[in-house]
Protein backbone atom coordinates (compact mmCIF):
# COMPACT_ATOMS: atom_id res chain seq x y z
CA MET A 1 6.28 12.17 11.31
CA THR A 2 5.18 15.57 10.03
CA VAL A 3 1.94 16.41 8.26
CA ALA A 4 3.94 17.10 5.09
CA GLU A 5 5.53 13.64 5.26
CA LEU A 6 2.13 12.01 5.76
CA ALA A 7 0.61 14.02 2.89
CA LYS A 8 3.22 12.65 0.44
CA ASN A 9 1.30 9.36 0.47
CA LEU A 10 -2.05 10.87 -0.57
CA GLY A 11 -3.08 9.85 -4.07
CA LYS A 12 -0.33 7.26 -4.46
CA VAL A 13 -1.26 4.01 -6.19
CA GLY A 14 0.12 0.81 -4.74
CA THR A 15 -0.72 -2.85 -4.23
CA TYR A 16 -2.58 -3.93 -1.10
CA TYR A 17 -1.70 -7.41 0.15
CA PRO A 18 -4.43 -8.41 2.66
CA ASN A 19 -2.69 -11.70 3.56
CA GLY A 20 0.90 -10.55 3.50
CA SER A 21 3.25 -9.96 0.58
CA ASN A 22 3.22 -13.66 -0.37
CA GLY A 23 -0.52 -13.70 -1.07
CA PRO A 24 -2.56 -12.11 -3.84
CA GLY A 25 -2.81 -8.35 -3.96
CA PHE A 26 -4.82 -5.67 -5.74
CA GLU A 27 -4.23 -2.09 -6.83
CA VAL A 28 -5.42 0.64 -4.46
CA THR A 29 -5.24 4.43 -4.19
CA VAL A 30 -4.37 6.03 -0.85
CA ARG A 31 -7.17 8.47 0.04
CA ASP A 32 -6.23 9.41 3.61
CA VAL A 33 -3.43 8.84 6.13
CA ARG A 34 -3.45 8.73 9.92
CA GLN A 35 -1.00 8.01 12.67
CA VAL A 36 -2.44 6.09 15.63
CA PHE A 37 -0.35 5.08 18.66
CA GLY A 38 2.84 5.29 16.59
CA ARG A 39 1.38 3.17 13.79
CA LEU A 40 0.74 4.52 10.27
CA ASP A 41 -2.56 3.62 8.58
CA PHE A 42 -3.78 4.31 5.05
CA GLU A 43 -7.40 4.65 3.98
CA VAL A 44 -7.38 2.89 0.63
CA GLU A 45 -9.83 2.56 -2.23
CA PRO A 46 -9.51 -0.12 -4.93
CA VAL A 47 -8.59 1.13 -8.41
CA ALA A 48 -11.18 -1.26 -9.88
CA GLY A 49 -14.12 -1.56 -7.51
CA ARG A 50 -15.83 0.34 -4.73
CA GLY A 51 -15.45 1.05 -1.05
CA ARG A 52 -12.74 2.27 1.29
CA SER A 53 -10.96 0.68 4.22
CA TRP A 54 -8.27 1.58 6.75
CA VAL A 55 -5.27 -0.75 6.49
CA GLY A 56 -1.81 -0.87 8.03
CA GLU A 57 0.95 0.84 6.09
CA SER A 58 3.02 -2.36 5.95
CA SER A 59 0.34 -4.14 3.88
CA VAL A 60 0.54 -1.60 1.02
CA LYS A 61 3.53 -1.70 -1.32
CA PHE A 62 4.24 1.04 -3.84
CA PRO A 63 5.80 0.31 -7.27
CA ASP A 64 9.39 0.79 -6.10
CA GLU A 65 8.75 -1.40 -3.01
CA ARG A 66 6.83 -4.34 -4.51
CA PRO A 67 8.31 -7.78 -3.92
CA ARG A 68 10.12 -9.01 -6.98
CA LEU A 69 10.17 -12.59 -8.15
CA ALA A 70 13.60 -14.08 -8.56
CA VAL A 71 14.08 -14.99 -12.21
CA SER A 72 17.04 -17.14 -13.03
CA ASP A 73 18.81 -16.82 -16.33
CA PRO A 74 18.08 -19.96 -18.39
CA PHE A 75 21.41 -19.65 -20.24
């Protein structure tokens, strides 16, 4: 992955799911990106709150990647 590809994630807002995509999540902003041993990590900061933490890329979903609930048509 190139530096330009990594940089595309900077400043993006997504939802961080600390317990997997089935659990609760909260909005975060990606502040930094690193690649370690072939794994991609994001340093995220909550939109509402304080602090920063490094998390695995797979635990952050961006608006076009968020899991969608299946809604059946009642008619």
